[in-house]
PDB file of N, CA and C in Angstrom:
ATOM      1  N   MET A   1     -58.492  22.706  31.916  1.00  0.00           N
ATOM      2  CA  MET A   1     -57.297  22.906  30.974  1.00  0.00           C
ATOM      3  C   MET A   1     -55.921  21.913  31.548  1.00  0.00           C
ATOM      4  N   GLN A   2     -55.507  20.903  31.088  1.00  0.00           N
ATOM      5  CA  GLN A   2     -54.402  20.289  31.412  1.00  0.00           C
ATOM      6  C   GLN A   2     -53.356  20.840  31.224  1.00  0.00           C
ATOM      7  N   SER A   3     -52.271  20.946  31.873  1.00  0.00           N
ATOM      8  CA  SER A   3     -51.019  21.732  31.366  1.00  0.00           C
ATOM      9  C   SER A   3     -50.417  20.418  30.795  1.00  0.00           C
ATOM     10  N   GLU A   4     -49.151  20.860  30.041  1.00  0.00           N
ATOM     11  CA  GLU A   4     -48.490  20.010  29.261  1.00  0.00           C
ATOM     12  C   GLU A   4     -47.004  19.759  29.711  1.00  0.00           C
ATOM     13  N   ILE A   5     -46.507  18.549  30.031  1.00  0.00           N
ATOM     14  CA  ILE A   5     -44.952  18.478  30.482  1.00  0.00           C
ATOM     15  C   ILE A   5     -44.175  17.911  29.265  1.00  0.00           C
ATOM     16  N   THR A   6     -43.229  18.299  29.260  1.00  0.00           N
ATOM     17  CA  THR A   6     -42.290  18.085  27.649  1.00  0.00           C
ATOM     18  C   THR A   6     -40.880  17.338  28.538  1.00  0.00           C
ATOM     19  N   TYR A   7     -40.622  16.434  28.107  1.00  0.00           N
ATOM     20  CA  TYR A   7     -39.196  15.954  28.483  1.00  0.00           C
ATOM     21  C   TYR A   7     -38.400  15.841  27.538  1.00  0.00           C
ATOM     22  N   LYS A   8     -37.255  16.104  27.542  1.00  0.00           N
ATOM     23  CA  LYS A   8     -36.011  15.842  26.302  1.00  0.00           C
ATOM     24  C   LYS A   8     -35.293  14.817  26.985  1.00  0.00           C
ATOM     25  N   LEU A   9     -35.177  13.792  26.269  1.00  0.00           N
ATOM     26  CA  LEU A   9     -34.310  12.541  26.350  1.00  0.00           C
ATOM     27  C   LEU A   9     -33.124  12.518  25.336  1.00  0.00           C
ATOM     28  N   ASN A  10     -32.018  11.907  25.821  1.00  0.00           N
ATOM     29  CA  ASN A  10     -31.312  11.680  24.741  1.00  0.00           C
ATOM     30  C   ASN A  10     -31.439  10.258  23.952  1.00  0.00           C
ATOM     31  N   ALA A  11     -30.767  10.074  23.016  1.00  0.00           N
ATOM     32  CA  ALA A  11     -30.805   8.646  22.647  1.00  0.00           C
ATOM     33  C   ALA A  11     -30.741   7.471  23.379  1.00  0.00           C
ATOM     34  N   ALA A  12     -29.853   7.567  24.159  1.00  0.00           N
ATOM     35  CA  ALA A  12     -29.276   6.259  25.108  1.00  0.00           C
ATOM     36  C   ALA A  12     -30.601   6.397  26.132  1.00  0.00           C
ATOM     37  N   ASP A  13     -30.808   7.364  26.546  1.00  0.00           N
ATOM     38  CA  ASP A  13     -32.012   7.574  27.794  1.00  0.00           C
ATOM     39  C   ASP A  13     -33.385   7.025  26.911  1.00  0.00           C
ATOM     40  N   PHE A  14     -33.624   7.295  25.853  1.00  0.00           N
ATOM     41  CA  PHE A  14     -34.856   6.804  25.155  1.00  0.00           C
ATOM     42  C   PHE A  14     -34.781   5.542  25.234  1.00  0.00           C
ATOM     43  N   ASP A  15     -33.488   4.512  24.358  1.00  0.00           N
ATOM     44  CA  ASP A  15     -33.387   3.352  24.330  1.00  0.00           C
ATOM     45  C   ASP A  15     -33.533   2.680  25.724  1.00  0.00           C
ATOM     46  N   GLU A  16     -33.176   3.436  26.751  1.00  0.00           N
ATOM     47  CA  GLU A  16     -33.551   2.492  28.100  1.00  0.00           C
ATOM     48  C   GLU A  16     -34.831   2.576  28.803  1.00  0.00           C
ATOM     49  N   VAL A  17     -35.573   3.791  28.348  1.00  0.00           N
ATOM     50  CA  VAL A  17     -36.811   3.724  28.611  1.00  0.00           C
ATOM     51  C   VAL A  17     -37.755   2.786  27.764  1.00  0.00           C
ATOM     52  N   LEU A  18     -37.289   2.781  26.551  1.00  0.00           N
ATOM     53  CA  LEU A  18     -37.835   1.877  25.805  1.00  0.00           C
ATOM     54  C   LEU A  18     -37.805   0.401  25.938  1.00  0.00           C
ATOM     55  N   GLU A  19     -36.653  -0.050  26.444  1.00  0.00           N
ATOM     56  CA  GLU A  19     -36.010  -1.190  26.394  1.00  0.00           C
ATOM     57  C   GLU A  19     -36.795  -1.596  27.913  1.00  0.00           C
ATOM     58  N   LYS A  20     -37.077  -0.858  28.894  1.00  0.00           N
ATOM     59  CA  LYS A  20     -37.833  -1.241  30.182  1.00  0.00           C
ATOM     60  C   LYS A  20     -38.985  -1.378  29.981  1.00  0.00           C
ATOM     61  N   LYS A  21     -39.753  -0.747  29.013  1.00  0.00           N
ATOM     62  CA  LYS A  21     -41.353  -0.739  28.712  1.00  0.00           C
ATOM     63  C   LYS A  21     -41.622  -2.178  27.996  1.00  0.00           C
ATOM     64  N   LEU A  22     -40.677  -2.527  26.925  1.00  0.00           N
ATOM     65  CA  LEU A  22     -40.779  -3.451  26.364  1.00  0.00           C
ATOM     66  C   LEU A  22     -40.444  -4.794  27.117  1.00  0.00           C
ATOM     67  N   THR A  23     -39.485  -4.743  28.174  1.00  0.00           N
ATOM     68  CA  THR A  23     -39.255  -5.831  28.897  1.00  0.00           C
ATOM     69  C   THR A  23     -40.561  -6.021  30.029  1.00  0.00           C
ATOM     70  N   ASP A  24     -41.260  -5.008  30.391  1.00  0.00           N
ATOM     71  CA  ASP A  24     -42.502  -5.082  31.349  1.00  0.00           C
ATOM     72  C   ASP A  24     -43.485  -5.718  30.498  1.00  0.00           C
ATOM     73  N   LEU A  25     -43.684  -5.406  29.103  1.00  0.00           N
ATOM     74  CA  LEU A  25     -44.852  -5.903  28.622  1.00  0.00           C
ATOM     75  C   LEU A  25     -44.682  -7.450  28.258  1.00  0.00           C
ATOM     76  N   SER A  26     -43.422  -7.494  27.876  1.00  0.00           N
ATOM     77  CA  SER A  26     -43.391  -8.907  27.484  1.00  0.00           C
ATOM     78  C   SER A  26     -43.573  -9.873  28.635  1.00  0.00           C
ATOM     79  N   LYS A  27     -42.815  -9.355  29.827  1.00  0.00           N
ATOM     80  CA  LYS A  27     -43.223 -10.093  31.252  1.00  0.00           C
ATOM     81  C   LYS A  27     -44.684 -10.191  31.470  1.00  0.00           C
ATOM     82  N   LYS A  28     -45.460  -9.114  31.410  1.00  0.00           N
ATOM     83  CA  LYS A  28     -46.875  -9.494  31.337  1.00  0.00           C
ATOM     84  C   LYS A  28     -47.179 -10.253  30.516  1.00  0.00           C
ATOM     85  N   SER A  29     -47.208 -10.559  29.335  1.00  0.00           N
ATOM     86  CA  SER A  29     -47.367 -11.604  28.233  1.00  0.00           C
ATOM     87  C   SER A  29     -47.254 -12.933  28.882  1.00  0.00           C
ATOM     88  N   ILE A  30     -45.959 -13.105  29.037  1.00  0.00           N
ATOM     89  CA  ILE A  30     -45.598 -14.211  29.680  1.00  0.00           C
ATOM     90  C   ILE A  30     -46.275 -14.962  30.696  1.00  0.00           C
ATOM     91  N   LEU A  31     -46.480 -13.886  31.809  1.00  0.00           N
ATOM     92  CA  LEU A  31     -47.230 -14.293  33.121  1.00  0.00           C
ATOM     93  C   LEU A  31     -48.353 -14.495  32.579  1.00  0.00           C
ATOM     94  N   GLU A  32     -49.376 -13.932  31.971  1.00  0.00           N
ATOM     95  CA  GLU A  32     -50.774 -14.072  31.705  1.00  0.00           C
ATOM     96  C   GLU A  32     -50.726 -15.512  30.871  1.00  0.00           C
ATOM     97  N   ARG A  33     -50.088 -16.176  30.283  1.00  0.00           N
ATOM     98  CA  ARG A  33     -50.181 -17.857  29.959  1.00  0.00           C
ATOM     99  C   ARG A  33     -50.384 -18.793  31.222  1.00  0.00           C
ATOM    100  N   PHE A  34     -50.019 -18.300  32.471  1.00  0.00           N
ATOM    101  CA  PHE A  34     -49.890 -19.028  33.476  1.00  0.00           C
ATOM    102  C   PHE A  34     -51.068 -18.530  34.517  1.00  0.00           C
ATOM    103  N   ARG A  35     -51.977 -17.659  33.922  1.00  0.00           N
ATOM    104  CA  ARG A  35     -52.865 -16.963  35.127  1.00  0.00           C
ATOM    105  C   ARG A  35     -53.963 -18.279  35.541  1.00  0.00           C
ATOM    106  N   ASP A  36     -54.216 -19.372  34.645  1.00  0.00           N
ATOM    107  CA  ASP A  36     -55.211 -20.004  35.136  1.00  0.00           C
ATOM    108  C   ASP A  36     -54.319 -21.244  35.713  1.00  0.00           C
ATOM    109  N   ARG A  37     -53.416 -21.549  35.392  1.00  0.00           N
ATOM    110  CA  ARG A  37     -52.494 -22.769  36.135  1.00  0.00           C
ATOM    111  C   ARG A  37     -52.461 -22.398  37.553  1.00  0.00           C
ATOM    112  N   LEU A  38     -52.846 -23.383  38.182  1.00  0.00           N
ATOM    113  CA  LEU A  38     -53.044 -23.316  39.945  1.00  0.00           C
ATOM    114  C   LEU A  38     -51.810 -24.475  40.584  1.00  0.00           C
ATOM    115  N   VAL A  39     -50.983 -23.840  41.385  1.00  0.00           N
ATOM    116  CA  VAL A  39     -49.864 -24.826  42.028  1.00  0.00           C
ATOM    117  C   VAL A  39     -50.395 -24.801  43.707  1.00  0.00           C
ATOM    118  N   SER A  40     -49.421 -25.837  44.127  1.00  0.00           N
ATOM    119  CA  SER A  40     -49.275 -26.346  45.315  1.00  0.00           C
ATOM    120  C   SER A  40     -48.483 -25.252  46.292  1.00  0.00           C
ATOM    121  N   VAL A  41     -48.690 -25.239  47.482  1.00  0.00           N
ATOM    122  CA  VAL A  41     -47.759 -25.009  48.520  1.00  0.00           C
ATOM    123  C   VAL A  41     -45.995 -25.192  48.167  1.00  0.00           C
ATOM    124  N   ASP A  42     -46.038 -26.519  47.862  1.00  0.00           N
ATOM    125  CA  ASP A  42     -44.516 -27.279  47.636  1.00  0.00           C
ATOM    126  C   ASP A  42     -43.998 -26.656  46.530  1.00  0.00           C
ATOM    127  N   THR A  43     -44.940 -26.256  45.459  1.00  0.00           N
ATOM    128  CA  THR A  43     -44.386 -25.582  44.289  1.00  0.00           C
ATOM    129  C   THR A  43     -44.054 -24.154  44.311  1.00  0.00           C
ATOM    130  N   VAL A  44     -44.880 -23.534  45.224  1.00  0.00           N
ATOM    131  CA  VAL A  44     -44.485 -22.207  45.517  1.00  0.00           C
ATOM    132  C   VAL A  44     -43.060 -21.886  46.338  1.00  0.00           C
ATOM    133  N   ALA A  45     -43.004 -22.909  47.329  1.00  0.00           N
ATOM    134  CA  ALA A  45     -41.810 -22.956  48.010  1.00  0.00           C
ATOM    135  C   ALA A  45     -40.421 -23.344  47.013  1.00  0.00           C
ATOM    136  N   GLU A  46     -40.879 -24.199  46.385  1.00  0.00           N
ATOM    137  CA  GLU A  46     -39.777 -24.693  45.629  1.00  0.00           C
ATOM    138  C   GLU A  46     -39.174 -23.358  44.653  1.00  0.00           C
ATOM    139  N   ILE A  47     -40.229 -22.926  43.894  1.00  0.00           N
ATOM    140  CA  ILE A  47     -39.928 -21.876  43.077  1.00  0.00           C
ATOM    141  C   ILE A  47     -39.293 -20.396  44.141  1.00  0.00           C
ATOM    142  N   HIS A  48     -39.361 -20.293  45.063  1.00  0.00           N
ATOM    143  CA  HIS A  48     -38.814 -18.964  45.905  1.00  0.00           C
ATOM    144  C   HIS A  48     -37.741 -19.383  46.720  1.00  0.00           C
ATOM    145  N   ASN A  49     -37.535 -20.862  46.825  1.00  0.00           N
ATOM    146  CA  ASN A  49     -36.657 -21.261  47.524  1.00  0.00           C
ATOM    147  C   ASN A  49     -36.924 -20.879  49.005  1.00  0.00           C
ATOM    148  N   ILE A  50     -38.210 -21.145  49.813  1.00  0.00           N
ATOM    149  CA  ILE A  50     -38.309 -20.701  51.118  1.00  0.00           C
ATOM    150  C   ILE A  50     -39.069 -22.150  51.638  1.00  0.00           C
ATOM    151  N   HIS A  51     -39.200 -22.224  52.916  1.00  0.00           N
ATOM    152  CA  HIS A  51     -40.031 -22.979  53.450  1.00  0.00           C
ATOM    153  C   HIS A  51     -41.509 -23.041  53.265  1.00  0.00           C
ATOM    154  N   ARG A  52     -42.284 -24.332  53.099  1.00  0.00           N
ATOM    155  CA  ARG A  52     -43.469 -24.544  52.929  1.00  0.00           C
ATOM    156  C   ARG A  52     -44.223 -23.725  54.002  1.00  0.00           C
ATOM    157  N   ASP A  53     -43.880 -23.717  55.305  1.00  0.00           N
ATOM    158  CA  ASP A  53     -44.340 -23.135  56.210  1.00  0.00           C
ATOM    159  C   ASP A  53     -44.688 -21.727  55.963  1.00  0.00           C
ATOM    160  N   THR A  54     -43.732 -21.429  55.399  1.00  0.00           N
ATOM    161  CA  THR A  54     -43.875 -19.633  55.321  1.00  0.00           C
ATOM    162  C   THR A  54     -44.895 -19.248  54.248  1.00  0.00           C
ATOM    163  N   VAL A  55     -44.900 -20.062  53.176  1.00  0.00           N
ATOM    164  CA  VAL A  55     -46.084 -19.998  52.247  1.00  0.00           C
ATOM    165  C   VAL A  55     -47.418 -20.224  52.967  1.00  0.00           C
ATOM    166  N   VAL A  56     -47.525 -21.051  53.887  1.00  0.00           N
ATOM    167  CA  VAL A  56     -48.997 -21.302  54.265  1.00  0.00           C
ATOM    168  C   VAL A  56     -49.050 -20.040  55.536  1.00  0.00           C
ATOM    169  N   LYS A  57     -48.067 -19.422  56.068  1.00  0.00           N
ATOM    170  CA  LYS A  57     -48.215 -18.336  56.869  1.00  0.00           C
ATOM    171  C   LYS A  57     -48.594 -16.846  56.203  1.00  0.00           C
ATOM    172  N   TYR A  58     -47.675 -16.787  55.098  1.00  0.00           N
ATOM    173  CA  TYR A  58     -48.123 -15.910  54.121  1.00  0.00           C
ATOM    174  C   TYR A  58     -49.594 -15.817  53.590  1.00  0.00           C
ATOM    175  N   ALA A  59     -50.045 -17.017  53.319  1.00  0.00           N
ATOM    176  CA  ALA A  59     -51.413 -17.327  52.802  1.00  0.00           C
ATOM    177  C   ALA A  59     -52.486 -16.915  53.655  1.00  0.00           C
ATOM    178  N   ASN A  60     -52.070 -17.182  54.927  1.00  0.00           N
ATOM    179  CA  ASN A  60     -53.202 -17.201  56.409  1.00  0.00           C
ATOM    180  C   ASN A  60     -53.196 -15.399  56.577  1.00  0.00           C
ATOM    181  N   ALA A  61     -52.159 -15.035  56.380  1.00  0.00           N
ATOM    182  CA  ALA A  61     -52.081 -13.728  56.798  1.00  0.00           C
ATOM    183  C   ALA A  61     -52.596 -12.622  55.418  1.00  0.00           C
ATOM    184  N   ARG A  62     -53.082 -13.269  54.555  1.00  0.00           N
ATOM    185  CA  ARG A  62     -53.640 -12.623  53.104  1.00  0.00           C
ATOM    186  C   ARG A  62     -52.854 -12.089  52.692  1.00  0.00           C
ATOM    187  N   LEU A  63     -51.379 -12.573  52.613  1.00  0.00           N
ATOM    188  CA  LEU A  63     -50.329 -11.714  51.864  1.00  0.00           C
ATOM    189  C   LEU A  63     -50.025 -12.295  50.516  1.00  0.00           C
ATOM    190  N   LEU A  64     -50.369 -13.719  50.433  1.00  0.00           N
ATOM    191  CA  LEU A  64     -50.549 -14.201  49.097  1.00  0.00           C
ATOM    192  C   LEU A  64     -51.861 -14.542  48.721  1.00  0.00           C
ATOM    193  N   PRO A  65     -52.347 -14.180  47.418  1.00  0.00           N
ATOM    194  CA  PRO A  65     -53.324 -14.429  46.914  1.00  0.00           C
ATOM    195  C   PRO A  65     -53.897 -16.025  46.662  1.00  0.00           C
ATOM    196  N   HIS A  66     -54.835 -16.690  47.112  1.00  0.00           N
ATOM    197  CA  HIS A  66     -54.898 -18.191  46.960  1.00  0.00           C
ATOM    198  C   HIS A  66     -56.196 -18.456  46.960  1.00  0.00           C
ATOM    199  N   ILE A  67     -56.557 -19.672  46.746  1.00  0.00           N
ATOM    200  CA  ILE A  67     -57.937 -20.466  46.849  1.00  0.00           C
ATOM    201  C   ILE A  67     -57.604 -21.534  47.808  1.00  0.00           C
ATOM    202  N   ARG A  68     -58.824 -21.645  48.530  1.00  0.00           N
ATOM    203  CA  ARG A  68     -58.761 -22.931  49.434  1.00  0.00           C
ATOM    204  C   ARG A  68     -59.506 -23.990  48.633  1.00  0.00           C
ATOM    205  N   GLN A  69     -59.166 -25.248  48.792  1.00  0.00           N
ATOM    206  CA  GLN A  69     -59.786 -26.637  48.079  1.00  0.00           C
ATOM    207  C   GLN A  69     -59.737 -27.139  49.346  1.00  0.00           C
ATOM    208  N   GLY A  70     -60.865 -27.197  50.415  1.00  0.00           N
ATOM    209  CA  GLY A  70     -60.698 -27.875  51.710  1.00  0.00           C
ATOM    210  C   GLY A  70     -59.598 -27.631  52.491  1.00  0.00           C
ATOM    211  N   LYS A  71     -58.646 -28.507  52.711  1.00  0.00           N
ATOM    212  CA  LYS A  71     -57.188 -27.991  53.821  1.00  0.00           C
ATOM    213  C   LYS A  71     -56.053 -27.643  52.666  1.00  0.00           C
ATOM    214  N   LEU A  72     -56.282 -27.730  51.412  1.00  0.00           N
ATOM    215  CA  LEU A  72     -55.220 -27.423  50.497  1.00  0.00           C
ATOM    216  C   LEU A  72     -55.490 -26.111  49.992  1.00  0.00           C
ATOM    217  N   TYR A  73     -54.195 -25.494  49.768  1.00  0.00           N
ATOM    218  CA  TYR A  73     -53.929 -23.971  49.600  1.00  0.00           C
ATOM    219  C   TYR A  73     -53.548 -24.227  47.798  1.00  0.00           C
ATOM    220  N   LYS A  74     -54.398 -23.454  47.042  1.00  0.00           N
ATOM    221  CA  LYS A  74     -53.818 -23.371  45.660  1.00  0.00           C
ATOM    222  C   LYS A  74     -53.347 -21.963  45.246  1.00  0.00           C
ATOM    223  N   PHE A  75     -52.533 -21.625  44.502  1.00  0.00           N
ATOM    224  CA  PHE A  75     -52.165 -20.266  43.992  1.00  0.00           C
ATOM    225  C   PHE A  75     -52.021 -20.585  42.321  1.00  0.00           C
ATOM    226  N   SER A  76     -52.367 -18.988  42.242  1.00  0.00           N
ATOM    227  CA  SER A  76     -52.303 -18.733  40.484  1.00  0.00           C
ATOM    228  C   SER A  76     -50.560 -18.723  40.290  1.00  0.00           C
ATOM    229  N   LEU A  77     -50.068 -19.348  39.140  1.00  0.00           N
ATOM    230  CA  LEU A  77     -48.659 -19.435  39.097  1.00  0.00           C
ATOM    231  C   LEU A  77     -48.296 -18.258  38.586  1.00  0.00           C
ATOM    232  N   ALA A  78     -48.697 -17.490  37.843  1.00  0.00           N
ATOM    233  CA  ALA A  78     -48.811 -16.152  37.084  1.00  0.00           C
ATOM    234  C   ALA A  78     -48.588 -15.079  38.474  1.00  0.00           C
ATOM    235  N   GLU A  79     -49.545 -15.036  39.288  1.00  0.00           N
ATOM    236  CA  GLU A  79     -49.345 -14.355  40.587  1.00  0.00           C
ATOM    237  C   GLU A  79     -47.945 -14.829  41.374  1.00  0.00           C
ATOM    238  N   ILE A  80     -47.837 -16.052  41.456  1.00  0.00           N
ATOM    239  CA  ILE A  80     -46.604 -16.629  42.394  1.00  0.00           C
ATOM    240  C   ILE A  80     -45.455 -16.076  41.746  1.00  0.00           C
ATOM    241  N   LEU A  81     -45.237 -16.248  40.569  1.00  0.00           N
ATOM    242  CA  LEU A  81     -43.856 -16.031  39.649  1.00  0.00           C
ATOM    243  C   LEU A  81     -43.678 -14.224  39.645  1.00  0.00           C
ATOM    244  N   ASP A  82     -44.978 -13.604  40.045  1.00  0.00           N
ATOM    245  CA  ASP A  82     -44.791 -12.313  39.839  1.00  0.00           C
ATOM    246  C   ASP A  82     -44.449 -11.566  41.336  1.00  0.00           C
ATOM    247  N   ILE A  83     -44.540 -12.147  42.210  1.00  0.00           N
ATOM    248  CA  ILE A  83     -44.427 -11.770  43.746  1.00  0.00           C
ATOM    249  C   ILE A  83     -42.759 -12.054  44.528  1.00  0.00           C
ATOM    250  N   ASN A  84     -42.711 -10.793  45.071  1.00  0.00           N
ATOM    251  CA  ASN A  84     -41.369 -10.658  45.652  1.00  0.00           C
ATOM    252  C   ASN A  84     -41.478 -10.820  47.162  1.00  0.00           C
ATOM    253  N   PHE A  85     -40.768 -12.180  47.686  1.00  0.00           N
ATOM    254  CA  PHE A  85     -40.871 -12.222  48.824  1.00  0.00           C
ATOM    255  C   PHE A  85     -40.234 -11.560  49.670  1.00  0.00           C
ATOM    256  N   ALA A  86     -39.274 -10.932  49.145  1.00  0.00           N
ATOM    257  CA  ALA A  86     -38.483  -9.989  50.040  1.00  0.00           C
ATOM    258  C   ALA A  86     -39.442  -9.050  50.594  1.00  0.00           C
ATOM    259  N   ASP A  87     -40.428  -8.444  49.635  1.00  0.00           N
ATOM    260  CA  ASP A  87     -41.211  -7.646  49.834  1.00  0.00           C
ATOM    261  C   ASP A  87     -42.404  -7.761  51.078  1.00  0.00           C
ATOM    262  N   LEU A  88     -42.686  -9.120  50.739  1.00  0.00           N
ATOM    263  CA  LEU A  88     -43.660 -10.032  51.581  1.00  0.00           C
ATOM    264  C   LEU A  88     -43.277  -9.820  53.282  1.00  0.00           C
ATOM    265  N   LYS A  89     -41.994 -10.058  53.526  1.00  0.00           N
ATOM    266  CA  LYS A  89     -41.188 -10.271  54.320  1.00  0.00           C
ATOM    267  C   LYS A  89     -41.342  -8.973  55.321  1.00  0.00           C
ATOM    268  N   LYS A  90     -40.948  -8.027  54.649  1.00  0.00           N
ATOM    269  CA  LYS A  90     -41.150  -6.426  55.239  1.00  0.00           C
ATOM    270  C   LYS A  90     -42.489  -6.085  55.985  1.00  0.00           C
ATOM    271  N   GLN A  91     -43.486  -6.836  55.028  1.00  0.00           N
ATOM    272  CA  GLN A  91     -45.043  -6.390  55.530  1.00  0.00           C
ATOM    273  C   GLN A  91     -45.304  -6.874  56.734  1.00  0.00           C
ATOM    274  N   GLN A  92     -44.684  -8.069  57.347  1.00  0.00           N
ATOM    275  CA  GLN A  92     -45.051  -8.770  58.555  1.00  0.00           C
ATOM    276  C   GLN A  92     -44.904  -7.856  59.541  1.00  0.00           C
TER     277      GLN A  92
END
């Protein structure tokens, strides 16, 4: 038997929770449109304002999901837009 938890929220708290949930859903919907679009190392570097060597380093360390096409690295634009490079830096 599962126990039930009840939360009491005032209207402002409820609105804040609802706004965050809708923002998250909207973000996921927008990112999904770019799931199949592949971009280069240079594009990733430009989007996140980092050096291209950093992108390659993170890809080689398996911190960035990517596809290798010969010597080229390709990245899903949706995944790249959703990645926080500050968090990746901490993982090194």
